[in-house]
PDB file of N, CA and C in Angstrom:
ATOM      1  N   MET A   1      20.307  -3.630   5.602  1.00  0.00           N
ATOM      2  CA  MET A   1      19.110  -3.614   6.407  1.00  0.00           C
ATOM      3  C   MET A   1      19.264  -4.635   7.537  1.00  0.00           C
ATOM      4  N   ASP A   2      18.870  -4.260   8.730  1.00  0.00           N
ATOM      5  CA  ASP A   2      19.073  -5.125   9.878  1.00  0.00           C
ATOM      6  C   ASP A   2      18.041  -6.227   9.984  1.00  0.00           C
ATOM      7  N   SER A   3      16.793  -5.922   9.707  1.00  0.00           N
ATOM      8  CA  SER A   3      15.765  -6.928   9.900  1.00  0.00           C
ATOM      9  C   SER A   3      14.655  -6.743   8.883  1.00  0.00           C
ATOM     10  N   ARG A   4      13.767  -7.709   8.872  1.00  0.00           N
ATOM     11  CA  ARG A   4      12.606  -7.626   7.979  1.00  0.00           C
ATOM     12  C   ARG A   4      11.757  -6.403   8.295  1.00  0.00           C
ATOM     13  N   GLN A   5      11.629  -6.088   9.583  1.00  0.00           N
ATOM     14  CA  GLN A   5      10.856  -4.913   9.994  1.00  0.00           C
ATOM     15  C   GLN A   5      11.504  -3.628   9.501  1.00  0.00           C
ATOM     16  N   ASP A   6      12.836  -3.533   9.597  1.00  0.00           N
ATOM     17  CA  ASP A   6      13.550  -2.362   9.090  1.00  0.00           C
ATOM     18  C   ASP A   6      13.391  -2.251   7.583  1.00  0.00           C
ATOM     19  N   LEU A   7      13.470  -3.381   6.895  1.00  0.00           N
ATOM     20  CA  LEU A   7      13.299  -3.402   5.442  1.00  0.00           C
ATOM     21  C   LEU A   7      11.914  -2.890   5.073  1.00  0.00           C
ATOM     22  N   GLY A   8      10.894  -3.367   5.758  1.00  0.00           N
ATOM     23  CA  GLY A   8       9.527  -2.929   5.497  1.00  0.00           C
ATOM     24  C   GLY A   8       9.350  -1.438   5.765  1.00  0.00           C
ATOM     25  N   ARG A   9       9.925  -0.949   6.828  1.00  0.00           N
ATOM     26  CA  ARG A   9       9.816   0.475   7.166  1.00  0.00           C
ATOM     27  C   ARG A   9      10.493   1.331   6.105  1.00  0.00           C
ATOM     28  N   GLU A  10      11.681   0.915   5.663  1.00  0.00           N
ATOM     29  CA  GLU A  10      12.384   1.654   4.621  1.00  0.00           C
ATOM     30  C   GLU A  10      11.588   1.634   3.311  1.00  0.00           C
ATOM     31  N   GLY A  11      10.995   0.491   2.982  1.00  0.00           N
ATOM     32  CA  GLY A  11      10.159   0.414   1.784  1.00  0.00           C
ATOM     33  C   GLY A  11       8.967   1.355   1.868  1.00  0.00           C
ATOM     34  N   GLU A  12       8.318   1.398   3.021  1.00  0.00           N
ATOM     35  CA  GLU A  12       7.182   2.302   3.195  1.00  0.00           C
ATOM     36  C   GLU A  12       7.600   3.758   3.114  1.00  0.00           C
ATOM     37  N   ASP A  13       8.775   4.081   3.665  1.00  0.00           N
ATOM     38  CA  ASP A  13       9.289   5.456   3.555  1.00  0.00           C
ATOM     39  C   ASP A  13       9.532   5.827   2.086  1.00  0.00           C
ATOM     40  N   GLN A  14      10.132   4.908   1.335  1.00  0.00           N
ATOM     41  CA  GLN A  14      10.367   5.140  -0.098  1.00  0.00           C
ATOM     42  C   GLN A  14       9.045   5.336  -0.830  1.00  0.00           C
ATOM     43  N   ALA A  15       8.062   4.484  -0.516  1.00  0.00           N
ATOM     44  CA  ALA A  15       6.758   4.571  -1.163  1.00  0.00           C
ATOM     45  C   ALA A  15       6.074   5.896  -0.839  1.00  0.00           C
ATOM     46  N   ALA A  16       6.131   6.327   0.416  1.00  0.00           N
ATOM     47  CA  ALA A  16       5.496   7.582   0.823  1.00  0.00           C
ATOM     48  C   ALA A  16       6.114   8.769   0.072  1.00  0.00           C
ATOM     49  N   ARG A  17       7.429   8.791  -0.008  1.00  0.00           N
ATOM     50  CA  ARG A  17       8.103   9.879  -0.743  1.00  0.00           C
ATOM     51  C   ARG A  17       7.662   9.891  -2.203  1.00  0.00           C
ATOM     52  N   TYR A  18       7.636   8.719  -2.804  1.00  0.00           N
ATOM     53  CA  TYR A  18       7.220   8.608  -4.200  1.00  0.00           C
ATOM     54  C   TYR A  18       5.790   9.110  -4.397  1.00  0.00           C
ATOM     55  N   LEU A  19       4.871   8.639  -3.560  1.00  0.00           N
ATOM     56  CA  LEU A  19       3.462   9.018  -3.713  1.00  0.00           C
ATOM     57  C   LEU A  19       3.281  10.513  -3.514  1.00  0.00           C
ATOM     58  N   GLU A  20       3.989  11.099  -2.558  1.00  0.00           N
ATOM     59  CA  GLU A  20       3.915  12.545  -2.364  1.00  0.00           C
ATOM     60  C   GLU A  20       4.466  13.293  -3.574  1.00  0.00           C
ATOM     61  N   GLN A  21       5.531  12.787  -4.173  1.00  0.00           N
ATOM     62  CA  GLN A  21       6.075  13.400  -5.386  1.00  0.00           C
ATOM     63  C   GLN A  21       5.074  13.327  -6.541  1.00  0.00           C
ATOM     64  N   GLN A  22       4.201  12.329  -6.507  1.00  0.00           N
ATOM     65  CA  GLN A  22       3.181  12.178  -7.535  1.00  0.00           C
ATOM     66  C   GLN A  22       1.955  13.044  -7.249  1.00  0.00           C
ATOM     67  N   GLY A  23       1.985  13.780  -6.137  1.00  0.00           N
ATOM     68  CA  GLY A  23       0.896  14.692  -5.808  1.00  0.00           C
ATOM     69  C   GLY A  23      -0.118  14.155  -4.826  1.00  0.00           C
ATOM     70  N   MET A  24       0.110  12.972  -4.297  1.00  0.00           N
ATOM     71  CA  MET A  24      -0.813  12.430  -3.303  1.00  0.00           C
ATOM     72  C   MET A  24      -0.514  13.016  -1.925  1.00  0.00           C
ATOM     73  N   VAL A  25      -1.545  13.076  -1.111  1.00  0.00           N
ATOM     74  CA  VAL A  25      -1.399  13.512   0.281  1.00  0.00           C
ATOM     75  C   VAL A  25      -1.572  12.268   1.144  1.00  0.00           C
ATOM     76  N   ILE A  26      -0.543  11.956   1.930  1.00  0.00           N
ATOM     77  CA  ILE A  26      -0.620  10.791   2.822  1.00  0.00           C
ATOM     78  C   ILE A  26      -1.449  11.184   4.035  1.00  0.00           C
ATOM     79  N   LEU A  27      -2.543  10.454   4.245  1.00  0.00           N
ATOM     80  CA  LEU A  27      -3.432  10.724   5.383  1.00  0.00           C
ATOM     81  C   LEU A  27      -3.086   9.863   6.593  1.00  0.00           C
ATOM     82  N   GLU A  28      -2.716   8.631   6.347  1.00  0.00           N
ATOM     83  CA  GLU A  28      -2.433   7.664   7.423  1.00  0.00           C
ATOM     84  C   GLU A  28      -1.328   6.730   6.974  1.00  0.00           C
ATOM     85  N   ARG A  29      -0.563   6.267   7.950  1.00  0.00           N
ATOM     86  CA  ARG A  29       0.382   5.188   7.722  1.00  0.00           C
ATOM     87  C   ARG A  29       0.164   4.146   8.798  1.00  0.00           C
ATOM     88  N   ASN A  30       0.160   2.891   8.378  1.00  0.00           N
ATOM     89  CA  ASN A  30      -0.035   1.759   9.282  1.00  0.00           C
ATOM     90  C   ASN A  30      -1.313   1.895  10.099  1.00  0.00           C
ATOM     91  N   TRP A  31      -2.404   2.199   9.422  1.00  0.00           N
ATOM     92  CA  TRP A  31      -3.710   2.355  10.086  1.00  0.00           C
ATOM     93  C   TRP A  31      -4.256   0.980  10.419  1.00  0.00           C
ATOM     94  N   ARG A  32      -4.666   0.816  11.671  1.00  0.00           N
ATOM     95  CA  ARG A  32      -5.154  -0.483  12.154  1.00  0.00           C
ATOM     96  C   ARG A  32      -6.641  -0.466  12.482  1.00  0.00           C
ATOM     97  N   PHE A  33      -7.258  -1.581  12.171  1.00  0.00           N
ATOM     98  CA  PHE A  33      -8.634  -1.850  12.551  1.00  0.00           C
ATOM     99  C   PHE A  33      -8.664  -3.292  13.033  1.00  0.00           C
ATOM    100  N   GLY A  34      -8.611  -3.457  14.351  1.00  0.00           N
ATOM    101  CA  GLY A  34      -8.470  -4.806  14.900  1.00  0.00           C
ATOM    102  C   GLY A  34      -7.152  -5.394  14.462  1.00  0.00           C
ATOM    103  N   HIS A  35      -7.190  -6.592  13.880  1.00  0.00           N
ATOM    104  CA  HIS A  35      -5.965  -7.244  13.412  1.00  0.00           C
ATOM    105  C   HIS A  35      -5.630  -6.883  11.963  1.00  0.00           C
ATOM    106  N   LYS A  36      -6.437  -6.030  11.367  1.00  0.00           N
ATOM    107  CA  LYS A  36      -6.235  -5.623   9.968  1.00  0.00           C
ATOM    108  C   LYS A  36      -5.412  -4.340   9.932  1.00  0.00           C
ATOM    109  N   GLU A  37      -4.541  -4.242   8.932  1.00  0.00           N
ATOM    110  CA  GLU A  37      -3.707  -3.039   8.813  1.00  0.00           C
ATOM    111  C   GLU A  37      -3.642  -2.600   7.354  1.00  0.00           C
ATOM    112  N   ILE A  38      -3.716  -1.285   7.172  1.00  0.00           N
ATOM    113  CA  ILE A  38      -3.511  -0.686   5.859  1.00  0.00           C
ATOM    114  C   ILE A  38      -2.172   0.033   5.927  1.00  0.00           C
ATOM    115  N   ASP A  39      -1.271  -0.299   5.014  1.00  0.00           N
ATOM    116  CA  ASP A  39       0.059   0.316   5.019  1.00  0.00           C
ATOM    117  C   ASP A  39      -0.006   1.835   4.884  1.00  0.00           C
ATOM    118  N   MET A  40      -0.799   2.301   3.921  1.00  0.00           N
ATOM    119  CA  MET A  40      -0.894   3.738   3.687  1.00  0.00           C
ATOM    120  C   MET A  40      -2.259   4.080   3.140  1.00  0.00           C
ATOM    121  N   ILE A  41      -2.760   5.217   3.594  1.00  0.00           N
ATOM    122  CA  ILE A  41      -3.995   5.772   3.059  1.00  0.00           C
ATOM    123  C   ILE A  41      -3.664   7.166   2.566  1.00  0.00           C
ATOM    124  N   ALA A  42      -4.003   7.423   1.315  1.00  0.00           N
ATOM    125  CA  ALA A  42      -3.659   8.710   0.707  1.00  0.00           C
ATOM    126  C   ALA A  42      -4.888   9.284   0.002  1.00  0.00           C
ATOM    127  N   ARG A  43      -4.764  10.565  -0.332  1.00  0.00           N
ATOM    128  CA  ARG A  43      -5.804  11.207  -1.120  1.00  0.00           C
ATOM    129  C   ARG A  43      -5.168  11.723  -2.399  1.00  0.00           C
ATOM    130  N   GLU A  44      -5.842  11.459  -3.490  1.00  0.00           N
ATOM    131  CA  GLU A  44      -5.438  11.985  -4.787  1.00  0.00           C
ATOM    132  C   GLU A  44      -6.697  12.490  -5.478  1.00  0.00           C
ATOM    133  N   GLY A  45      -6.846  13.805  -5.513  1.00  0.00           N
ATOM    134  CA  GLY A  45      -8.057  14.375  -6.105  1.00  0.00           C
ATOM    135  C   GLY A  45      -9.294  13.890  -5.364  1.00  0.00           C
ATOM    136  N   ASN A  46     -10.216  13.279  -6.094  1.00  0.00           N
ATOM    137  CA  ASN A  46     -11.443  12.768  -5.514  1.00  0.00           C
ATOM    138  C   ASN A  46     -11.358  11.288  -5.152  1.00  0.00           C
ATOM    139  N   ASN A  47     -10.140  10.794  -5.011  1.00  0.00           N
ATOM    140  CA  ASN A  47      -9.931   9.388  -4.670  1.00  0.00           C
ATOM    141  C   ASN A  47      -9.268   9.226  -3.325  1.00  0.00           C
ATOM    142  N   LEU A  48      -9.803   8.292  -2.549  1.00  0.00           N
ATOM    143  CA  LEU A  48      -9.125   7.807  -1.355  1.00  0.00           C
ATOM    144  C   LEU A  48      -8.346   6.595  -1.832  1.00  0.00           C
ATOM    145  N   VAL A  49      -7.046   6.605  -1.655  1.00  0.00           N
ATOM    146  CA  VAL A  49      -6.188   5.554  -2.186  1.00  0.00           C
ATOM    147  C   VAL A  49      -5.671   4.688  -1.049  1.00  0.00           C
ATOM    148  N   ILE A  50      -6.025   3.429  -1.079  1.00  0.00           N
ATOM    149  CA  ILE A  50      -5.566   2.448  -0.109  1.00  0.00           C
ATOM    150  C   ILE A  50      -4.339   1.793  -0.733  1.00  0.00           C
ATOM    151  N   VAL A  51      -3.199   1.915  -0.047  1.00  0.00           N
ATOM    152  CA  VAL A  51      -1.934   1.487  -0.638  1.00  0.00           C
ATOM    153  C   VAL A  51      -1.348   0.314   0.153  1.00  0.00           C
ATOM    154  N   GLU A  52      -1.081  -0.763  -0.544  1.00  0.00           N
ATOM    155  CA  GLU A  52      -0.355  -1.896   0.030  1.00  0.00           C
ATOM    156  C   GLU A  52       1.071  -1.801  -0.493  1.00  0.00           C
ATOM    157  N   VAL A  53       2.031  -1.794   0.409  1.00  0.00           N
ATOM    158  CA  VAL A  53       3.445  -1.686   0.040  1.00  0.00           C
ATOM    159  C   VAL A  53       4.086  -3.055   0.235  1.00  0.00           C
ATOM    160  N   LYS A  54       4.698  -3.557  -0.824  1.00  0.00           N
ATOM    161  CA  LYS A  54       5.420  -4.829  -0.776  1.00  0.00           C
ATOM    162  C   LYS A  54       6.886  -4.519  -0.959  1.00  0.00           C
ATOM    163  N   THR A  55       7.697  -4.851   0.043  1.00  0.00           N
ATOM    164  CA  THR A  55       9.119  -4.547  -0.001  1.00  0.00           C
ATOM    165  C   THR A  55       9.906  -5.854   0.001  1.00  0.00           C
ATOM    166  N   ARG A  56      10.854  -5.954  -0.913  1.00  0.00           N
ATOM    167  CA  ARG A  56      11.637  -7.160  -1.032  1.00  0.00           C
ATOM    168  C   ARG A  56      13.099  -6.800  -1.334  1.00  0.00           C
ATOM    169  N   THR A  57      13.951  -7.772  -1.151  1.00  0.00           N
ATOM    170  CA  THR A  57      15.309  -7.687  -1.670  1.00  0.00           C
ATOM    171  C   THR A  57      15.389  -8.656  -2.842  1.00  0.00           C
ATOM    172  N   ALA A  58      16.280  -8.403  -3.752  1.00  0.00           N
ATOM    173  CA  ALA A  58      16.394  -9.247  -4.948  1.00  0.00           C
ATOM    174  C   ALA A  58      16.904 -10.624  -4.533  1.00  0.00           C
ATOM    175  N   PRO A  59      16.636 -11.689  -5.203  1.00  0.00           N
ATOM    176  CA  PRO A  59      15.776 -11.783  -6.378  1.00  0.00           C
ATOM    177  C   PRO A  59      14.306 -11.932  -5.987  1.00  0.00           C
ATOM    178  N   VAL A  60      13.434 -11.460  -6.864  1.00  0.00           N
ATOM    179  CA  VAL A  60      11.995 -11.526  -6.643  1.00  0.00           C
ATOM    180  C   VAL A  60      11.422 -12.492  -7.670  1.00  0.00           C
ATOM    181  N   ARG A  61      10.681 -13.476  -7.199  1.00  0.00           N
ATOM    182  CA  ARG A  61      10.163 -14.512  -8.096  1.00  0.00           C
ATOM    183  C   ARG A  61       8.693 -14.311  -8.446  1.00  0.00           C
ATOM    184  N   GLU A  62       8.015 -13.423  -7.726  1.00  0.00           N
ATOM    185  CA  GLU A  62       6.595 -13.245  -8.000  1.00  0.00           C
ATOM    186  C   GLU A  62       6.306 -11.790  -8.316  1.00  0.00           C
ATOM    187  N   SER A  63       5.257 -11.580  -9.074  1.00  0.00           N
ATOM    188  CA  SER A  63       4.856 -10.213  -9.408  1.00  0.00           C
ATOM    189  C   SER A  63       4.202  -9.591  -8.180  1.00  0.00           C
ATOM    190  N   PRO A  64       4.113  -8.257  -8.126  1.00  0.00           N
ATOM    191  CA  PRO A  64       3.449  -7.613  -6.985  1.00  0.00           C
ATOM    192  C   PRO A  64       2.003  -8.082  -6.814  1.00  0.00           C
ATOM    193  N   GLU A  65       1.328  -8.335  -7.936  1.00  0.00           N
ATOM    194  CA  GLU A  65      -0.061  -8.800  -7.854  1.00  0.00           C
ATOM    195  C   GLU A  65      -0.156 -10.158  -7.183  1.00  0.00           C
ATOM    196  N   GLN A  66       0.805 -11.031  -7.461  1.00  0.00           N
ATOM    197  CA  GLN A  66       0.823 -12.362  -6.865  1.00  0.00           C
ATOM    198  C   GLN A  66       1.155 -12.317  -5.388  1.00  0.00           C
ATOM    199  N   ALA A  67       1.816 -11.246  -4.952  1.00  0.00           N
ATOM    200  CA  ALA A  67       2.234 -11.120  -3.554  1.00  0.00           C
ATOM    201  C   ALA A  67       1.077 -10.753  -2.635  1.00  0.00           C
ATOM    202  N   ILE A  68      -0.073 -10.449  -3.205  1.00  0.00           N
ATOM    203  CA  ILE A  68      -1.243 -10.096  -2.393  1.00  0.00           C
ATOM    204  C   ILE A  68      -2.334 -11.118  -2.642  1.00  0.00           C
ATOM    205  N   PRO A  69      -2.361 -12.148  -1.826  1.00  0.00           N
ATOM    206  CA  PRO A  69      -3.343 -13.207  -2.030  1.00  0.00           C
ATOM    207  C   PRO A  69      -4.766 -12.721  -1.732  1.00  0.00           C
ATOM    208  N   ARG A  70      -5.708 -13.515  -2.134  1.00  0.00           N
ATOM    209  CA  ARG A  70      -7.133 -13.189  -1.990  1.00  0.00           C
ATOM    210  C   ARG A  70      -7.489 -12.808  -0.554  1.00  0.00           C
ATOM    211  N   GLU A  71      -6.999 -13.547   0.422  1.00  0.00           N
ATOM    212  CA  GLU A  71      -7.328 -13.266   1.820  1.00  0.00           C
ATOM    213  C   GLU A  71      -6.807 -11.900   2.262  1.00  0.00           C
ATOM    214  N   LYS A  72      -5.597 -11.541   1.824  1.00  0.00           N
ATOM    215  CA  LYS A  72      -5.033 -10.228   2.144  1.00  0.00           C
ATOM    216  C   LYS A  72      -5.876  -9.126   1.501  1.00  0.00           C
ATOM    217  N   ARG A  73      -6.305  -9.325   0.266  1.00  0.00           N
ATOM    218  CA  ARG A  73      -7.165  -8.340  -0.407  1.00  0.00           C
ATOM    219  C   ARG A  73      -8.480  -8.193   0.358  1.00  0.00           C
ATOM    220  N   ARG A  74      -9.013  -9.311   0.812  1.00  0.00           N
ATOM    221  CA  ARG A  74     -10.277  -9.265   1.572  1.00  0.00           C
ATOM    222  C   ARG A  74     -10.102  -8.440   2.850  1.00  0.00           C
ATOM    223  N   LEU A  75      -8.993  -8.635   3.559  1.00  0.00           N
ATOM    224  CA  LEU A  75      -8.725  -7.876   4.788  1.00  0.00           C
ATOM    225  C   LEU A  75      -8.553  -6.392   4.484  1.00  0.00           C
ATOM    226  N   LEU A  76      -7.849  -6.060   3.398  1.00  0.00           N
ATOM    227  CA  LEU A  76      -7.673  -4.657   3.018  1.00  0.00           C
ATOM    228  C   LEU A  76      -9.006  -3.987   2.689  1.00  0.00           C
ATOM    229  N   ILE A  77      -9.842  -4.701   1.973  1.00  0.00           N
ATOM    230  CA  ILE A  77     -11.160  -4.160   1.628  1.00  0.00           C
ATOM    231  C   ILE A  77     -11.985  -3.920   2.876  1.00  0.00           C
ATOM    232  N   SER A  78     -11.952  -4.877   3.800  1.00  0.00           N
ATOM    233  CA  SER A  78     -12.701  -4.730   5.047  1.00  0.00           C
ATOM    234  C   SER A  78     -12.188  -3.548   5.858  1.00  0.00           C
ATOM    235  N   ALA A  79     -10.884  -3.425   5.985  1.00  0.00           N
ATOM    236  CA  ALA A  79     -10.297  -2.306   6.728  1.00  0.00           C
ATOM    237  C   ALA A  79     -10.612  -0.976   6.046  1.00  0.00           C
ATOM    238  N   ALA A  80     -10.559  -0.932   4.722  1.00  0.00           N
ATOM    239  CA  ALA A  80     -10.891   0.290   3.992  1.00  0.00           C
ATOM    240  C   ALA A  80     -12.344   0.691   4.216  1.00  0.00           C
ATOM    241  N   ASN A  81     -13.239  -0.285   4.226  1.00  0.00           N
ATOM    242  CA  ASN A  81     -14.652   0.000   4.505  1.00  0.00           C
ATOM    243  C   ASN A  81     -14.813   0.611   5.898  1.00  0.00           C
ATOM    244  N   ALA A  82     -14.079   0.056   6.868  1.00  0.00           N
ATOM    245  CA  ALA A  82     -14.146   0.599   8.233  1.00  0.00           C
ATOM    246  C   ALA A  82     -13.617   2.024   8.269  1.00  0.00           C
ATOM    247  N   TYR A  83     -12.501   2.287   7.610  1.00  0.00           N
ATOM    248  CA  TYR A  83     -11.921   3.633   7.595  1.00  0.00           C
ATOM    249  C   TYR A  83     -12.899   4.637   6.987  1.00  0.00           C
ATOM    250  N   VAL A  84     -13.510   4.262   5.893  1.00  0.00           N
ATOM    251  CA  VAL A  84     -14.489   5.135   5.216  1.00  0.00           C
ATOM    252  C   VAL A  84     -15.683   5.408   6.130  1.00  0.00           C
ATOM    253  N   ARG A  85     -16.194   4.395   6.775  1.00  0.00           N
ATOM    254  CA  ARG A  85     -17.345   4.571   7.690  1.00  0.00           C
ATOM    255  C   ARG A  85     -16.984   5.439   8.882  1.00  0.00           C
ATOM    256  N   PHE A  86     -15.883   5.118   9.555  1.00  0.00           N
ATOM    257  CA  PHE A  86     -15.493   5.856  10.766  1.00  0.00           C
ATOM    258  C   PHE A  86     -15.207   7.320  10.500  1.00  0.00           C
ATOM    259  N   ASN A  87     -14.676   7.592   9.320  1.00  0.00           N
ATOM    260  CA  ASN A  87     -14.291   8.967   8.983  1.00  0.00           C
ATOM    261  C   ASN A  87     -15.299   9.670   8.074  1.00  0.00           C
ATOM    262  N   ARG A  88     -16.410   8.987   7.816  1.00  0.00           N
ATOM    263  CA  ARG A  88     -17.492   9.540   6.979  1.00  0.00           C
ATOM    264  C   ARG A  88     -16.955  10.134   5.678  1.00  0.00           C
ATOM    265  N   ILE A  89     -16.227   9.325   4.980  1.00  0.00           N
ATOM    266  CA  ILE A  89     -15.596   9.753   3.730  1.00  0.00           C
ATOM    267  C   ILE A  89     -16.513   9.451   2.548  1.00  0.00           C
ATOM    268  N   SER A  90     -16.628  10.411   1.664  1.00  0.00           N
ATOM    269  CA  SER A  90     -17.488  10.212   0.488  1.00  0.00           C
ATOM    270  C   SER A  90     -16.681  10.340  -0.801  1.00  0.00           C
ATOM    271  N   LEU A  91     -15.484   9.779  -0.803  1.00  0.00           N
ATOM    272  CA  LEU A  91     -14.632   9.766  -1.989  1.00  0.00           C
ATOM    273  C   LEU A  91     -14.682   8.400  -2.645  1.00  0.00           C
ATOM    274  N   ASP A  92     -14.327   8.332  -3.912  1.00  0.00           N
ATOM    275  CA  ASP A  92     -14.138   7.040  -4.558  1.00  0.00           C
ATOM    276  C   ASP A  92     -12.906   6.379  -3.928  1.00  0.00           C
ATOM    277  N   VAL A  93     -12.962   5.060  -3.779  1.00  0.00           N
ATOM    278  CA  VAL A  93     -11.861   4.330  -3.148  1.00  0.00           C
ATOM    279  C   VAL A  93     -11.140   3.518  -4.225  1.00  0.00           C
ATOM    280  N   ARG A  94      -9.829   3.596  -4.178  1.00  0.00           N
ATOM    281  CA  ARG A  94      -8.972   2.878  -5.122  1.00  0.00           C
ATOM    282  C   ARG A  94      -7.928   2.097  -4.341  1.00  0.00           C
ATOM    283  N   PHE A  95      -7.578   0.918  -4.833  1.00  0.00           N
ATOM    284  CA  PHE A  95      -6.574   0.075  -4.188  1.00  0.00           C
ATOM    285  C   PHE A  95      -5.339   0.004  -5.083  1.00  0.00           C
ATOM    286  N   ASP A  96      -4.218   0.525  -4.571  1.00  0.00           N
ATOM    287  CA  ASP A  96      -2.954   0.521  -5.307  1.00  0.00           C
ATOM    288  C   ASP A  96      -1.946  -0.362  -4.601  1.00  0.00           C
ATOM    289  N   VAL A  97      -0.975  -0.810  -5.355  1.00  0.00           N
ATOM    290  CA  VAL A  97       0.162  -1.551  -4.795  1.00  0.00           C
ATOM    291  C   VAL A  97       1.426  -0.818  -5.202  1.00  0.00           C
ATOM    292  N   VAL A  98       2.313  -0.613  -4.237  1.00  0.00           N
ATOM    293  CA  VAL A  98       3.644  -0.102  -4.518  1.00  0.00           C
ATOM    294  C   VAL A  98       4.624  -1.211  -4.175  1.00  0.00           C
ATOM    295  N   ASN A  99       5.352  -1.645  -5.174  1.00  0.00           N
ATOM    296  CA  ASN A  99       6.325  -2.709  -5.012  1.00  0.00           C
ATOM    297  C   ASN A  99       7.723  -2.090  -4.969  1.00  0.00           C
ATOM    298  N   ILE A 100       8.454  -2.369  -3.914  1.00  0.00           N
ATOM    299  CA  ILE A 100       9.805  -1.849  -3.733  1.00  0.00           C
ATOM    300  C   ILE A 100      10.763  -3.046  -3.713  1.00  0.00           C
ATOM    301  N   VAL A 101      11.789  -2.987  -4.561  1.00  0.00           N
ATOM    302  CA  VAL A 101      12.820  -4.013  -4.554  1.00  0.00           C
ATOM    303  C   VAL A 101      14.161  -3.331  -4.348  1.00  0.00           C
ATOM    304  N   PHE A 102      14.875  -3.734  -3.296  1.00  0.00           N
ATOM    305  CA  PHE A 102      16.229  -3.250  -3.055  1.00  0.00           C
ATOM    306  C   PHE A 102      17.170  -4.230  -3.744  1.00  0.00           C
ATOM    307  N   ARG A 103      17.901  -3.725  -4.740  1.00  0.00           N
ATOM    308  CA  ARG A 103      18.771  -4.596  -5.537  1.00  0.00           C
ATOM    309  C   ARG A 103      20.135  -3.912  -5.700  1.00  0.00           C
ATOM    310  N   GLN A 104      21.161  -4.496  -5.118  1.00  0.00           N
ATOM    311  CA  GLN A 104      22.530  -4.020  -5.243  1.00  0.00           C
ATOM    312  C   GLN A 104      22.651  -2.523  -4.942  1.00  0.00           C
ATOM    313  N   GLY A 105      22.064  -2.092  -3.831  1.00  0.00           N
ATOM    314  CA  GLY A 105      22.156  -0.714  -3.401  1.00  0.00           C
ATOM    315  C   GLY A 105      21.223   0.253  -4.130  1.00  0.00           C
ATOM    316  N   LYS A 106      20.424  -0.257  -5.035  1.00  0.00           N
ATOM    317  CA  LYS A 106      19.475   0.584  -5.766  1.00  0.00           C
ATOM    318  C   LYS A 106      18.056   0.202  -5.398  1.00  0.00           C
ATOM    319  N   VAL A 107      17.158   1.160  -5.602  1.00  0.00           N
ATOM    320  CA  VAL A 107      15.745   0.932  -5.299  1.00  0.00           C
ATOM    321  C   VAL A 107      14.966   0.879  -6.609  1.00  0.00           C
ATOM    322  N   GLU A 108      14.237  -0.203  -6.805  1.00  0.00           N
ATOM    323  CA  GLU A 108      13.356  -0.322  -7.956  1.00  0.00           C
ATOM    324  C   GLU A 108      11.932  -0.208  -7.436  1.00  0.00           C
ATOM    325  N   LEU A 109      11.173   0.737  -7.953  1.00  0.00           N
ATOM    326  CA  LEU A 109       9.812   0.979  -7.463  1.00  0.00           C
ATOM    327  C   LEU A 109       8.842   0.816  -8.623  1.00  0.00           C
ATOM    328  N   THR A 110       7.776   0.079  -8.363  1.00  0.00           N
ATOM    329  CA  THR A 110       6.688  -0.106  -9.316  1.00  0.00           C
ATOM    330  C   THR A 110       5.389   0.284  -8.634  1.00  0.00           C
ATOM    331  N   HIS A 111       4.623   1.159  -9.254  1.00  0.00           N
ATOM    332  CA  HIS A 111       3.335   1.603  -8.695  1.00  0.00           C
ATOM    333  C   HIS A 111       2.232   1.070  -9.590  1.00  0.00           C
ATOM    334  N   ILE A 112       1.376   0.257  -9.018  1.00  0.00           N
ATOM    335  CA  ILE A 112       0.251  -0.305  -9.777  1.00  0.00           C
ATOM    336  C   ILE A 112      -1.034   0.334  -9.268  1.00  0.00           C
ATOM    337  N   ARG A 113      -1.610   1.198 -10.087  1.00  0.00           N
ATOM    338  CA  ARG A 113      -2.888   1.841  -9.756  1.00  0.00           C
ATOM    339  C   ARG A 113      -4.011   0.835 -10.039  1.00  0.00           C
ATOM    340  N   ASP A 114      -5.066   0.913  -9.212  1.00  0.00           N
ATOM    341  CA  ASP A 114      -6.195  -0.005  -9.400  1.00  0.00           C
ATOM    342  C   ASP A 114      -5.718  -1.450  -9.485  1.00  0.00           C
ATOM    343  N   ALA A 115      -4.857  -1.834  -8.560  1.00  0.00           N
ATOM    344  CA  ALA A 115      -4.288  -3.179  -8.567  1.00  0.00           C
ATOM    345  C   ALA A 115      -5.355  -4.253  -8.415  1.00  0.00           C
ATOM    346  N   PHE A 116      -6.405  -3.942  -7.681  1.00  0.00           N
ATOM    347  CA  PHE A 116      -7.544  -4.846  -7.555  1.00  0.00           C
ATOM    348  C   PHE A 116      -8.766  -4.017  -7.171  1.00  0.00           C
ATOM    349  N   TYR A 117      -9.918  -4.643  -7.293  1.00  0.00           N
ATOM    350  CA  TYR A 117     -11.168  -3.949  -7.027  1.00  0.00           C
ATOM    351  C   TYR A 117     -11.850  -4.580  -5.817  1.00  0.00           C
ATOM    352  N   ALA A 118     -12.697  -3.809  -5.169  1.00  0.00           N
ATOM    353  CA  ALA A 118     -13.396  -4.251  -3.942  1.00  0.00           C
ATOM    354  C   ALA A 118     -14.603  -5.092  -4.297  1.00  0.00           C
ATOM    355  N   THR A 119     -14.394  -6.168  -5.041  1.00  0.00           N
ATOM    356  CA  THR A 119     -15.496  -7.011  -5.457  1.00  0.00           C
ATOM    357  C   THR A 119     -15.348  -8.441  -4.983  1.00  0.00           C
ATOM    358  N   LEU A 120     -14.528  -8.669  -3.975  1.00  0.00           N
ATOM    359  CA  LEU A 120     -14.296 -10.041  -3.493  1.00  0.00           C
ATOM    360  C   LEU A 120     -15.445 -10.510  -2.643  1.00  0.00           C
TER     361      LEU A 120
END
């Protein structure tokens, strides 16, 4: 991988393929609201799924949950609220994390459903 940006893009591509294989429909990628960004917005049944993708190279010292601090969760929740309002969406909203680790030419993917709740 050439740069951190390339690594992130490749991780998001891997995550999108995985989520689509799981039956989700990707609605948006890198959706912005001011300075806030949602990596991916998908639909799964009656759920609007807000996806944060964390991409790393080995070794990884923190869990995916630890990689999303309180302030980042607050920004994601705010951006998700804006997306729902602007698009007049009446689905349940869920926040997932997809953790991608590139290790010795292999991809390790972890999908955490309901990684956090919009109660901050």
